[in-house]
Amino acid sequence: MRPDTPAENVDHTAEAARLERTAGLYPEDAEALLLQAAAHLELSGDRPAATALYDRLLSSSTPLDNPHLVRALKASNLWEYGHEAEARAIIDGVRAAAPPDPAPWVIVAEALESHDELEQAQETFTEGARLLLTDVAEPSYATHPLLFGRHRVRRMLGVAHDEWDLLADTLHSMPVSLDELHDPKRVWSLGSDNPAELEAEISRLRAELGAYREALSRPFPVAVLHWTAAELTELVAAYPSLAVEYPSHEEHLTTIETSLRELSSSGTPNLGIVTGTVPSYEAFAASEGASPGDATLLPQYATTLAARGRAVAWPPQRGAG
């Protein structure tokens, strides 16, 4: 599934099966692909099958890049279909492990929040923030949901803002403030007969939807394709038509840097770099039924590598783990 495919047009069961097949073809990317497959199974309502995929990853002989993330997702999924005790035990284990990545903290905290364990959710968000944001001058993009989630839960608990809540307000870029979005009383305005109140709530919902869309884009960064010198030499030797795209490796590197800086200055978030290899590119071209010499395949190949979890964030950010 392409990142821009509307959700209502997705057959989640079929997409999960496709991703599982792809994981068989690219075992080095199995973790990212099977996590995507499990997400589709959750969306399809087949939560036991999603748990089976999480278990498959956790029992694999291949070391995982982020085992805490897999455990957090498993716990969240288990709780949704009645396995509360097991979910709580896993959540306690994730918290005790103190993962250096914000995603597991956010997932287990949101699982607690969604089941009205607000005090525990606040504690979990705070533990993650304390670990990842203490003495960090500039919070990375990946840590923003940690701060926003903490702000939301504390707003529901009715506690006063602290320094991290104020930081969350500063980082929030939508036109409606976090205090409005996280106002526990806002739900009542949907039942109001006052047109002004309803219009204000619609504005808040639009801003919130924008934030969700931004969050959903994270797994698929805007990725620029990079080739090492040796791989580029092999690529152009095998497919001379690509010499127009890649006159030299030095020019290739300059183009990458220029493209990333232009995208960054235009406000494009979540930029990344993916590194290609000739065998991988040839396999991608074959799967598309196209010639590797077709330059129009290059951006599609970059997007596919990013979707397989191969992108490295640009510029590298402190506090991302």
C-alpha atoms as a PDB file:
ATOM      1  CA  MET A   1       0.000   0.000   0.000  1.00  0.00           C
ATOM      2  CA  ARG A   2       1.294   3.414  -0.906  1.00  0.00           C
ATOM      3  CA  PRO A   3       1.435   5.917   1.980  1.00  0.00           C
ATOM      4  CA  ASP A   4      -1.158   8.111   0.241  1.00  0.00           C
ATOM      5  CA  THR A   5      -3.716   5.334  -0.259  1.00  0.00           C
ATOM      6  CA  PRO A   6      -7.010   6.374   1.381  1.00  0.00           C
ATOM      7  CA  ALA A   7      -7.753   4.141   4.367  1.00  0.00           C
ATOM      8  CA  GLU A   8     -11.285   3.388   3.223  1.00  0.00           C
ATOM      9  CA  ASN A   9      -9.914   1.817   0.035  1.00  0.00           C
ATOM     10  CA  VAL A  10      -7.657  -0.653   1.828  1.00  0.00           C
ATOM     11  CA  ASP A  11      -8.387  -4.358   2.214  1.00  0.00           C
ATOM     12  CA  HIS A  12      -6.479  -4.717   5.481  1.00  0.00           C
ATOM     13  CA  THR A  13      -6.464  -8.516   5.455  1.00  0.00           C
ATOM     14  CA  ALA A  14      -5.092  -8.657   1.905  1.00  0.00           C
ATOM     15  CA  GLU A  15      -2.539  -5.954   2.658  1.00  0.00           C
ATOM     16  CA  ALA A  16      -1.334  -7.864   5.723  1.00  0.00           C
ATOM     17  CA  ALA A  17      -0.911 -10.999   3.618  1.00  0.00           C
ATOM     18  CA  ARG A  18       1.038  -9.050   0.982  1.00  0.00           C
ATOM     19  CA  LEU A  19       3.346  -7.608   3.603  1.00  0.00           C
ATOM     20  CA  GLU A  20       3.966 -11.070   5.066  1.00  0.00           C
ATOM     21  CA  ARG A  21       4.914 -12.337   1.608  1.00  0.00           C
ATOM     22  CA  THR A  22       7.220  -9.354   1.127  1.00  0.00           C
ATOM     23  CA  ALA A  23       8.854 -10.115   4.488  1.00  0.00           C
ATOM     24  CA  GLY A  24       9.684 -13.557   3.135  1.00  0.00           C
ATOM     25  CA  LEU A  25      11.438 -11.955   0.159  1.00  0.00           C
ATOM     26  CA  TYR A  26      13.315  -9.402   2.280  1.00  0.00           C
ATOM     27  CA  PRO A  27      14.159 -11.097   5.597  1.00  0.00           C
ATOM     28  CA  GLU A  28      16.486  -8.229   6.519  1.00  0.00           C
ATOM     29  CA  ASP A  29      13.398  -5.991   6.611  1.00  0.00           C
ATOM     30  CA  ALA A  30      11.046  -8.495   8.228  1.00  0.00           C
ATOM     31  CA  GLU A  31      10.681  -6.501  11.431  1.00  0.00           C
ATOM     32  CA  ALA A  32       9.366  -3.342   9.755  1.00  0.00           C
ATOM     33  CA  LEU A  33       7.210  -5.271   7.283  1.00  0.00           C
ATOM     34  CA  LEU A  34       5.621  -7.588   9.853  1.00  0.00           C
ATOM     35  CA  LEU A  35       4.871  -4.663  12.168  1.00  0.00           C
ATOM     36  CA  GLN A  36       3.005  -3.036   9.296  1.00  0.00           C
ATOM     37  CA  ALA A  37       1.207  -6.323   8.613  1.00  0.00           C
ATOM     38  CA  ALA A  38       0.191  -6.589  12.276  1.00  0.00           C
ATOM     39  CA  ALA A  39      -1.184  -3.036  12.174  1.00  0.00           C
ATOM     40  CA  HIS A  40      -3.372  -3.988   9.212  1.00  0.00           C
ATOM     41  CA  LEU A  41      -4.607  -7.083  11.042  1.00  0.00           C
ATOM     42  CA  GLU A  42      -5.531  -4.934  14.041  1.00  0.00           C
ATOM     43  CA  LEU A  43      -7.438  -2.581  11.739  1.00  0.00           C
ATOM     44  CA  SER A  44      -9.226  -5.541  10.162  1.00  0.00           C
ATOM     45  CA  GLY A  45     -10.347  -6.674  13.621  1.00  0.00           C
ATOM     46  CA  ASP A  46      -8.238  -9.837  13.644  1.00  0.00           C
ATOM     47  CA  ARG A  47      -6.352  -9.037  16.836  1.00  0.00           C
ATOM     48  CA  PRO A  48      -5.344 -12.657  17.615  1.00  0.00           C
ATOM     49  CA  ALA A  49      -3.610 -12.852  14.217  1.00  0.00           C
ATOM     50  CA  ALA A  50      -1.807  -9.584  14.990  1.00  0.00           C
ATOM     51  CA  THR A  51      -0.628 -11.031  18.298  1.00  0.00           C
ATOM     52  CA  ALA A  52       0.655 -14.082  16.427  1.00  0.00           C
ATOM     53  CA  LEU A  53       2.811 -11.800  14.274  1.00  0.00           C
ATOM     54  CA  TYR A  54       4.179  -9.981  17.307  1.00  0.00           C
ATOM     55  CA  ASP A  55       4.998 -13.366  18.879  1.00  0.00           C
ATOM     56  CA  ARG A  56       6.651 -14.467  15.651  1.00  0.00           C
ATOM     57  CA  LEU A  57       8.964 -11.479  15.786  1.00  0.00           C
ATOM     58  CA  LEU A  58       9.721 -11.861  19.477  1.00  0.00           C
ATOM     59  CA  SER A  59      10.557 -15.557  19.105  1.00  0.00           C
ATOM     60  CA  SER A  60      12.727 -15.054  16.026  1.00  0.00           C
ATOM     61  CA  SER A  61      16.389 -16.060  16.200  1.00  0.00           C
ATOM     62  CA  THR A  62      17.228 -12.801  14.407  1.00  0.00           C
ATOM     63  CA  PRO A  63      17.853  -9.935  16.863  1.00  0.00           C
ATOM     64  CA  LEU A  64      15.233  -7.203  16.595  1.00  0.00           C
ATOM     65  CA  ASP A  65      16.092  -3.542  16.038  1.00  0.00           C
ATOM     66  CA  ASN A  66      13.439  -2.482  18.561  1.00  0.00           C
ATOM     67  CA  PRO A  67      12.112  -5.387  20.659  1.00  0.00           C
ATOM     68  CA  HIS A  68      10.582  -2.944  23.169  1.00  0.00           C
ATOM     69  CA  LEU A  69       8.420  -1.476  20.394  1.00  0.00           C
ATOM     70  CA  VAL A  70       7.169  -4.945  19.420  1.00  0.00           C
ATOM     71  CA  ARG A  71       6.332  -5.754  23.049  1.00  0.00           C
ATOM     72  CA  ALA A  72       4.551  -2.425  23.505  1.00  0.00           C
ATOM     73  CA  LEU A  73       2.429  -3.002  20.406  1.00  0.00           C
ATOM     74  CA  LYS A  74       1.647  -6.533  21.541  1.00  0.00           C
ATOM     75  CA  ALA A  75       0.523  -5.283  24.955  1.00  0.00           C
ATOM     76  CA  SER A  76      -1.695  -2.598  23.459  1.00  0.00           C
ATOM     77  CA  ASN A  77      -3.264  -5.124  21.102  1.00  0.00           C
ATOM     78  CA  LEU A  78      -3.793  -7.776  23.810  1.00  0.00           C
ATOM     79  CA  TRP A  79      -5.640  -5.375  26.090  1.00  0.00           C
ATOM     80  CA  GLU A  80      -8.051  -4.517  23.278  1.00  0.00           C
ATOM     81  CA  TYR A  81      -9.420  -8.054  23.147  1.00  0.00           C
ATOM     82  CA  GLY A  82      -9.604  -8.925  26.783  1.00  0.00           C
ATOM     83  CA  HIS A  83      -6.099  -9.997  27.838  1.00  0.00           C
ATOM     84  CA  GLU A  84      -5.679  -7.241  30.417  1.00  0.00           C
ATOM     85  CA  ALA A  85      -3.470  -9.086  32.903  1.00  0.00           C
ATOM     86  CA  GLU A  86      -0.946 -10.134  30.249  1.00  0.00           C
ATOM     87  CA  ALA A  87      -0.992  -6.643  28.730  1.00  0.00           C
ATOM     88  CA  ARG A  88      -0.302  -5.032  32.100  1.00  0.00           C
ATOM     89  CA  ALA A  89       2.594  -7.403  32.760  1.00  0.00           C
ATOM     90  CA  ILE A  90       4.176  -6.565  29.411  1.00  0.00           C
ATOM     91  CA  ILE A  91       3.668  -2.836  29.990  1.00  0.00           C
ATOM     92  CA  ASP A  92       5.394  -3.109  33.372  1.00  0.00           C
ATOM     93  CA  GLY A  93       8.279  -4.899  31.632  1.00  0.00           C
ATOM     94  CA  VAL A  94       8.610  -2.232  28.950  1.00  0.00           C
ATOM     95  CA  ARG A  95       8.680   0.520  31.566  1.00  0.00           C
ATOM     96  CA  ALA A  96      11.257  -1.334  33.660  1.00  0.00           C
ATOM     97  CA  ALA A  97      13.466  -1.815  30.582  1.00  0.00           C
ATOM     98  CA  ALA A  98      13.585   1.985  30.030  1.00  0.00           C
ATOM     99  CA  PRO A  99      13.836   1.846  26.229  1.00  0.00           C
ATOM    100  CA  PRO A 100      15.915   4.619  24.628  1.00  0.00           C
ATOM    101  CA  ASP A 101      13.314   5.150  21.887  1.00  0.00           C
ATOM    102  CA  PRO A 102      10.149   7.236  22.466  1.00  0.00           C
ATOM    103  CA  ALA A 103       7.726   5.017  20.514  1.00  0.00           C
ATOM    104  CA  PRO A 104       7.383   2.195  23.105  1.00  0.00           C
ATOM    105  CA  TRP A 105       6.799   4.758  25.870  1.00  0.00           C
ATOM    106  CA  VAL A 106       4.059   6.463  23.850  1.00  0.00           C
ATOM    107  CA  ILE A 107       2.329   3.187  22.947  1.00  0.00           C
ATOM    108  CA  VAL A 108       2.176   1.775  26.470  1.00  0.00           C
ATOM    109  CA  ALA A 109       1.164   5.138  27.934  1.00  0.00           C
ATOM    110  CA  GLU A 110      -1.638   5.500  25.390  1.00  0.00           C
ATOM    111  CA  ALA A 111      -2.779   1.942  26.140  1.00  0.00           C
ATOM    112  CA  LEU A 112      -3.105   2.900  29.801  1.00  0.00           C
ATOM    113  CA  GLU A 113      -4.834   6.148  28.872  1.00  0.00           C
ATOM    114  CA  SER A 114      -7.364   4.451  26.595  1.00  0.00           C
ATOM    115  CA  HIS A 115      -8.399   2.201  29.498  1.00  0.00           C
ATOM    116  CA  ASP A 116      -8.824   5.162  31.878  1.00  0.00           C
ATOM    117  CA  GLU A 117      -5.625   4.524  33.808  1.00  0.00           C
ATOM    118  CA  LEU A 118      -4.815   8.220  33.693  1.00  0.00           C
ATOM    119  CA  GLU A 119      -2.464   8.381  36.664  1.00  0.00           C
ATOM    120  CA  GLN A 120      -0.446   5.447  35.352  1.00  0.00           C
ATOM    121  CA  ALA A 121      -0.461   6.970  31.858  1.00  0.00           C
ATOM    122  CA  GLN A 122       0.877  10.257  33.226  1.00  0.00           C
ATOM    123  CA  GLU A 123       3.595   8.440  35.151  1.00  0.00           C
ATOM    124  CA  THR A 124       4.596   6.496  32.035  1.00  0.00           C
ATOM    125  CA  PHE A 125       4.724   9.552  29.797  1.00  0.00           C
ATOM    126  CA  THR A 126       6.758  11.330  32.495  1.00  0.00           C
ATOM    127  CA  GLU A 127       9.211   8.432  32.887  1.00  0.00           C
ATOM    128  CA  GLY A 128       9.822   8.471  29.142  1.00  0.00           C
ATOM    129  CA  ALA A 129      10.215  12.244  29.058  1.00  0.00           C
ATOM    130  CA  ARG A 130      12.595  12.206  32.009  1.00  0.00           C
ATOM    131  CA  LEU A 131      14.750   9.553  30.329  1.00  0.00           C
ATOM    132  CA  LEU A 132      14.801  11.020  26.822  1.00  0.00           C
ATOM    133  CA  LEU A 133      14.476  14.768  27.340  1.00  0.00           C
ATOM    134  CA  THR A 134      16.525  15.604  30.421  1.00  0.00           C
ATOM    135  CA  ASP A 135      19.386  17.941  29.380  1.00  0.00           C
ATOM    136  CA  VAL A 136      18.230  17.836  25.732  1.00  0.00           C
ATOM    137  CA  ALA A 137      18.213  21.358  24.342  1.00  0.00           C
ATOM    138  CA  GLU A 138      16.150  20.560  21.260  1.00  0.00           C
ATOM    139  CA  PRO A 139      13.632  17.668  21.444  1.00  0.00           C
ATOM    140  CA  SER A 140      13.685  15.523  18.325  1.00  0.00           C
ATOM    141  CA  TYR A 141      10.601  15.146  16.158  1.00  0.00           C
ATOM    142  CA  ALA A 142      10.217  11.558  17.399  1.00  0.00           C
ATOM    143  CA  THR A 143       9.822  12.739  21.003  1.00  0.00           C
ATOM    144  CA  HIS A 144       7.005  15.210  20.267  1.00  0.00           C
ATOM    145  CA  PRO A 145       4.207  12.607  20.764  1.00  0.00           C
ATOM    146  CA  LEU A 146       5.673  11.865  24.199  1.00  0.00           C
ATOM    147  CA  LEU A 147       5.271  15.493  25.220  1.00  0.00           C
ATOM    148  CA  PHE A 148       1.879  15.924  23.541  1.00  0.00           C
ATOM    149  CA  GLY A 149       0.490  12.756  25.115  1.00  0.00           C
ATOM    150  CA  ARG A 150       1.747  13.793  28.529  1.00  0.00           C
ATOM    151  CA  HIS A 151       0.138  17.221  28.084  1.00  0.00           C
ATOM    152  CA  ARG A 152      -3.182  15.599  27.104  1.00  0.00           C
ATOM    153  CA  VAL A 153      -3.314  13.250  30.093  1.00  0.00           C
ATOM    154  CA  ARG A 154      -2.298  15.935  32.571  1.00  0.00           C
ATOM    155  CA  ARG A 155      -5.022  18.217  31.144  1.00  0.00           C
ATOM    156  CA  MET A 156      -7.580  15.472  31.761  1.00  0.00           C
ATOM    157  CA  LEU A 157      -6.282  15.073  35.313  1.00  0.00           C
ATOM    158  CA  GLY A 158      -6.642  18.815  35.868  1.00  0.00           C
ATOM    159  CA  VAL A 159      -3.078  19.381  37.057  1.00  0.00           C
ATOM    160  CA  ALA A 160      -1.191  22.625  36.553  1.00  0.00           C
ATOM    161  CA  HIS A 161       1.224  23.052  33.656  1.00  0.00           C
ATOM    162  CA  ASP A 162       4.871  22.347  34.294  1.00  0.00           C
ATOM    163  CA  GLU A 163       7.950  23.068  32.164  1.00  0.00           C
ATOM    164  CA  TRP A 164       7.405  20.091  29.868  1.00  0.00           C
ATOM    165  CA  ASP A 165       3.770  21.089  29.285  1.00  0.00           C
ATOM    166  CA  LEU A 166       4.947  24.559  28.311  1.00  0.00           C
ATOM    167  CA  LEU A 167       7.516  22.983  25.979  1.00  0.00           C
ATOM    168  CA  ALA A 168       4.766  20.893  24.380  1.00  0.00           C
ATOM    169  CA  ASP A 169       2.750  24.090  23.794  1.00  0.00           C
ATOM    170  CA  THR A 170       5.792  25.632  22.107  1.00  0.00           C
ATOM    171  CA  LEU A 171       6.407  22.632  19.841  1.00  0.00           C
ATOM    172  CA  HIS A 172       2.761  22.327  18.787  1.00  0.00           C
ATOM    173  CA  SER A 173       2.420  23.925  15.351  1.00  0.00           C
ATOM    174  CA  MET A 174      -1.318  23.641  14.637  1.00  0.00           C
ATOM    175  CA  PRO A 175      -3.548  26.773  14.659  1.00  0.00           C
ATOM    176  CA  VAL A 176      -5.549  25.502  17.658  1.00  0.00           C
ATOM    177  CA  SER A 177      -3.618  25.380  20.935  1.00  0.00           C
ATOM    178  CA  LEU A 178      -2.948  22.161  22.806  1.00  0.00           C
ATOM    179  CA  ASP A 179      -4.957  23.472  25.749  1.00  0.00           C
ATOM    180  CA  GLU A 180      -8.019  23.698  23.509  1.00  0.00           C
ATOM    181  CA  LEU A 181      -7.429  20.350  21.854  1.00  0.00           C
ATOM    182  CA  HIS A 182      -6.927  18.647  25.216  1.00  0.00           C
ATOM    183  CA  ASP A 183      -9.743  20.418  27.056  1.00  0.00           C
ATOM    184  CA  PRO A 184     -11.702  17.652  28.874  1.00  0.00           C
ATOM    185  CA  LYS A 185     -14.920  19.686  28.555  1.00  0.00           C
ATOM    186  CA  ARG A 186     -14.735  20.179  24.792  1.00  0.00           C
ATOM    187  CA  VAL A 187     -16.774  17.044  24.061  1.00  0.00           C
ATOM    188  CA  TRP A 188     -19.861  18.755  25.463  1.00  0.00           C
ATOM    189  CA  SER A 189     -19.727  21.460  22.824  1.00  0.00           C
ATOM    190  CA  LEU A 190     -20.737  18.877  20.202  1.00  0.00           C
ATOM    191  CA  GLY A 191     -24.181  18.781  21.807  1.00  0.00           C
ATOM    192  CA  SER A 192     -24.525  22.541  21.861  1.00  0.00           C
ATOM    193  CA  ASP A 193     -27.192  24.445  19.945  1.00  0.00           C
ATOM    194  CA  ASN A 194     -24.893  27.456  19.722  1.00  0.00           C
ATOM    195  CA  PRO A 195     -23.530  27.763  16.128  1.00  0.00           C
ATOM    196  CA  ALA A 196     -20.429  29.617  17.355  1.00  0.00           C
ATOM    197  CA  GLU A 197     -19.561  26.798  19.760  1.00  0.00           C
ATOM    198  CA  LEU A 198     -20.089  24.182  17.067  1.00  0.00           C
ATOM    199  CA  GLU A 199     -17.948  26.114  14.599  1.00  0.00           C
ATOM    200  CA  ALA A 200     -15.171  26.438  17.176  1.00  0.00           C
ATOM    201  CA  GLU A 201     -15.287  22.693  17.812  1.00  0.00           C
ATOM    202  CA  ILE A 202     -15.105  21.960  14.076  1.00  0.00           C
ATOM    203  CA  SER A 203     -11.964  24.119  13.910  1.00  0.00           C
ATOM    204  CA  ARG A 204     -10.461  22.159  16.796  1.00  0.00           C
ATOM    205  CA  LEU A 205     -11.297  18.844  15.147  1.00  0.00           C
ATOM    206  CA  ARG A 206      -9.707  19.975  11.882  1.00  0.00           C
ATOM    207  CA  ALA A 207      -6.526  20.936  13.709  1.00  0.00           C
ATOM    208  CA  GLU A 208      -6.510  17.614  15.524  1.00  0.00           C
ATOM    209  CA  LEU A 209      -7.006  15.751  12.255  1.00  0.00           C
ATOM    210  CA  GLY A 210      -4.044  17.655  10.835  1.00  0.00           C
ATOM    211  CA  ALA A 211      -1.930  16.515  13.781  1.00  0.00           C
ATOM    212  CA  TYR A 212      -3.030  12.906  13.278  1.00  0.00           C
ATOM    213  CA  ARG A 213      -2.209  13.044   9.569  1.00  0.00           C
ATOM    214  CA  GLU A 214       1.218  14.422  10.401  1.00  0.00           C
ATOM    215  CA  ALA A 215       1.752  11.619  12.908  1.00  0.00           C
ATOM    216  CA  LEU A 216       0.628   8.981  10.424  1.00  0.00           C
ATOM    217  CA  SER A 217       3.240  10.182   7.953  1.00  0.00           C
ATOM    218  CA  ARG A 218       6.097   9.259  10.290  1.00  0.00           C
ATOM    219  CA  PRO A 219       6.639   5.687   9.080  1.00  0.00           C
ATOM    220  CA  PHE A 220       7.022   6.987   5.519  1.00  0.00           C
ATOM    221  CA  PRO A 221       9.547   9.835   5.512  1.00  0.00           C
ATOM    222  CA  VAL A 222      10.155  11.856   2.391  1.00  0.00           C
ATOM    223  CA  ALA A 223      13.184   9.841   1.363  1.00  0.00           C
ATOM    224  CA  VAL A 224      15.992  10.776  -1.017  1.00  0.00           C
ATOM    225  CA  LEU A 225      17.809   7.924  -2.743  1.00  0.00           C
ATOM    226  CA  HIS A 226      21.544   7.577  -2.128  1.00  0.00           C
ATOM    227  CA  TRP A 227      24.097   5.320  -3.824  1.00  0.00           C
ATOM    228  CA  THR A 228      27.592   4.559  -2.587  1.00  0.00           C
ATOM    229  CA  ALA A 229      30.372   5.193  -5.079  1.00  0.00           C
ATOM    230  CA  ALA A 230      30.869   1.491  -5.818  1.00  0.00           C
ATOM    231  CA  GLU A 231      27.149   0.798  -6.243  1.00  0.00           C
ATOM    232  CA  LEU A 232      26.657   3.825  -8.467  1.00  0.00           C
ATOM    233  CA  THR A 233      29.558   2.767 -10.704  1.00  0.00           C
ATOM    234  CA  GLU A 234      28.028  -0.702 -11.048  1.00  0.00           C
ATOM    235  CA  LEU A 235      24.550   0.733 -11.672  1.00  0.00           C
ATOM    236  CA  VAL A 236      25.584   3.111 -14.457  1.00  0.00           C
ATOM    237  CA  ALA A 237      27.829   0.468 -16.073  1.00  0.00           C
ATOM    238  CA  ALA A 238      24.892  -1.951 -16.213  1.00  0.00           C
ATOM    239  CA  TYR A 239      22.314   0.655 -17.262  1.00  0.00           C
ATOM    240  CA  PRO A 240      24.042   3.459 -19.196  1.00  0.00           C
ATOM    241  CA  SER A 241      20.774   5.371 -19.671  1.00  0.00           C
ATOM    242  CA  LEU A 242      20.953   6.303 -15.976  1.00  0.00           C
ATOM    243  CA  ALA A 243      24.133   8.298 -16.577  1.00  0.00           C
ATOM    244  CA  VAL A 244      21.842  11.240 -17.343  1.00  0.00           C
ATOM    245  CA  GLU A 245      20.560  11.034 -13.764  1.00  0.00           C
ATOM    246  CA  TYR A 246      23.991  10.343 -12.291  1.00  0.00           C
ATOM    247  CA  PRO A 247      26.807  12.075 -14.196  1.00  0.00           C
ATOM    248  CA  SER A 248      29.213  11.425 -11.290  1.00  0.00           C
ATOM    249  CA  HIS A 249      29.146  10.335  -7.675  1.00  0.00           C
ATOM    250  CA  GLU A 250      30.261  13.782  -6.534  1.00  0.00           C
ATOM    251  CA  GLU A 251      27.375  15.402  -8.393  1.00  0.00           C
ATOM    252  CA  HIS A 252      25.010  12.786  -6.972  1.00  0.00           C
ATOM    253  CA  LEU A 253      26.007  13.711  -3.406  1.00  0.00           C
ATOM    254  CA  THR A 254      25.633  17.415  -4.163  1.00  0.00           C
ATOM    255  CA  THR A 255      22.162  16.814  -5.584  1.00  0.00           C
ATOM    256  CA  ILE A 256      21.133  14.892  -2.464  1.00  0.00           C
ATOM    257  CA  GLU A 257      22.286  17.655  -0.149  1.00  0.00           C
ATOM    258  CA  THR A 258      20.636  20.362  -2.254  1.00  0.00           C
ATOM    259  CA  SER A 259      17.347  18.432  -2.437  1.00  0.00           C
ATOM    260  CA  LEU A 260      17.230  17.830   1.300  1.00  0.00           C
ATOM    261  CA  ARG A 261      18.025  21.440   2.147  1.00  0.00           C
ATOM    262  CA  GLU A 262      15.358  22.697  -0.270  1.00  0.00           C
ATOM    263  CA  LEU A 263      12.766  20.321   1.182  1.00  0.00           C
ATOM    264  CA  SER A 264      13.707  21.339   4.710  1.00  0.00           C
ATOM    265  CA  SER A 265      13.526  25.061   3.964  1.00  0.00           C
ATOM    266  CA  SER A 266      10.094  24.571   2.374  1.00  0.00           C
ATOM    267  CA  GLY A 267       8.827  23.135   5.652  1.00  0.00           C
ATOM    268  CA  THR A 268       8.647  19.486   4.610  1.00  0.00           C
ATOM    269  CA  PRO A 269       8.883  17.378   7.816  1.00  0.00           C
ATOM    270  CA  ASN A 270      10.297  13.909   8.375  1.00  0.00           C
ATOM    271  CA  LEU A 271      13.070  13.842   5.789  1.00  0.00           C
ATOM    272  CA  GLY A 272      15.240  10.786   5.313  1.00  0.00           C
ATOM    273  CA  ILE A 273      17.881   9.082   3.191  1.00  0.00           C
ATOM    274  CA  VAL A 274      17.657   5.548   1.813  1.00  0.00           C
ATOM    275  CA  THR A 275      20.692   3.775   0.374  1.00  0.00           C
ATOM    276  CA  GLY A 276      20.144   1.575  -2.658  1.00  0.00           C
ATOM    277  CA  THR A 277      21.982  -1.458  -3.929  1.00  0.00           C
ATOM    278  CA  VAL A 278      22.019  -2.745  -7.484  1.00  0.00           C
ATOM    279  CA  PRO A 279      20.618  -6.240  -6.678  1.00  0.00           C
ATOM    280  CA  SER A 280      17.827  -4.725  -4.582  1.00  0.00           C
ATOM    281  CA  TYR A 281      16.993  -2.203  -7.312  1.00  0.00           C
ATOM    282  CA  GLU A 282      16.971  -4.896  -9.987  1.00  0.00           C
ATOM    283  CA  ALA A 283      14.638  -7.021  -7.865  1.00  0.00           C
ATOM    284  CA  PHE A 284      12.337  -4.014  -7.413  1.00  0.00           C
ATOM    285  CA  ALA A 285      12.307  -3.327 -11.158  1.00  0.00           C
ATOM    286  CA  ALA A 286      11.465  -6.975 -11.835  1.00  0.00           C
ATOM    287  CA  SER A 287       8.590  -6.827  -9.347  1.00  0.00           C
ATOM    288  CA  GLU A 288       7.252  -3.798 -11.230  1.00  0.00           C
ATOM    289  CA  GLY A 289       7.693  -5.493 -14.608  1.00  0.00           C
ATOM    290  CA  ALA A 290       9.958  -2.672 -15.751  1.00  0.00           C
ATOM    291  CA  SER A 291      13.533  -2.149 -16.873  1.00  0.00           C
ATOM    292  CA  PRO A 292      16.065  -0.965 -14.265  1.00  0.00           C
ATOM    293  CA  GLY A 293      17.212   1.543 -16.877  1.00  0.00           C
ATOM    294  CA  ASP A 294      13.903   3.418 -16.523  1.00  0.00           C
ATOM    295  CA  ALA A 295      14.746   6.499 -14.442  1.00  0.00           C
ATOM    296  CA  THR A 296      11.101   6.959 -13.400  1.00  0.00           C
ATOM    297  CA  LEU A 297      11.515   3.890 -11.170  1.00  0.00           C
ATOM    298  CA  LEU A 298      14.092   5.601  -8.966  1.00  0.00           C
ATOM    299  CA  PRO A 299      11.704   7.665  -6.772  1.00  0.00           C
ATOM    300  CA  GLN A 300       9.356   4.674  -6.497  1.00  0.00           C
ATOM    301  CA  TYR A 301      12.292   2.548  -5.347  1.00  0.00           C
ATOM    302  CA  ALA A 302      13.188   5.170  -2.739  1.00  0.00           C
ATOM    303  CA  THR A 303       9.598   5.206  -1.431  1.00  0.00           C
ATOM    304  CA  THR A 304       9.574   1.412  -1.235  1.00  0.00           C
ATOM    305  CA  LEU A 305      12.818   1.345   0.747  1.00  0.00           C
ATOM    306  CA  ALA A 306      11.396   3.950   3.133  1.00  0.00           C
ATOM    307  CA  ALA A 307       8.209   1.902   3.600  1.00  0.00           C
ATOM    308  CA  ARG A 308      10.401  -1.097   4.451  1.00  0.00           C
ATOM    309  CA  GLY A 309      11.922   0.886   7.309  1.00  0.00           C
ATOM    310  CA  ARG A 310      15.231   1.556   5.564  1.00  0.00           C
ATOM    311  CA  ALA A 311      15.263   5.347   5.873  1.00  0.00           C
ATOM    312  CA  VAL A 312      17.756   7.170   8.072  1.00  0.00           C
ATOM    313  CA  ALA A 313      16.460  10.479   9.412  1.00  0.00           C
ATOM    314  CA  TRP A 314      17.994  13.680   8.032  1.00  0.00           C
ATOM    315  CA  PRO A 315      19.380  15.668   9.661  1.00  0.00           C
ATOM    316  CA  PRO A 316      20.278  13.304  12.534  1.00  0.00           C
ATOM    317  CA  GLN A 317      18.403  14.478  15.635  1.00  0.00           C
ATOM    318  CA  ARG A 318      19.477  14.409  19.245  1.00  0.00           C
ATOM    319  CA  GLY A 319      17.171  12.688  21.673  1.00  0.00           C
ATOM    320  CA  ALA A 320      15.827  10.271  19.053  1.00  0.00           C
ATOM    321  CA  GLY A 321      17.451   7.317  20.779  1.00  0.00           C
END
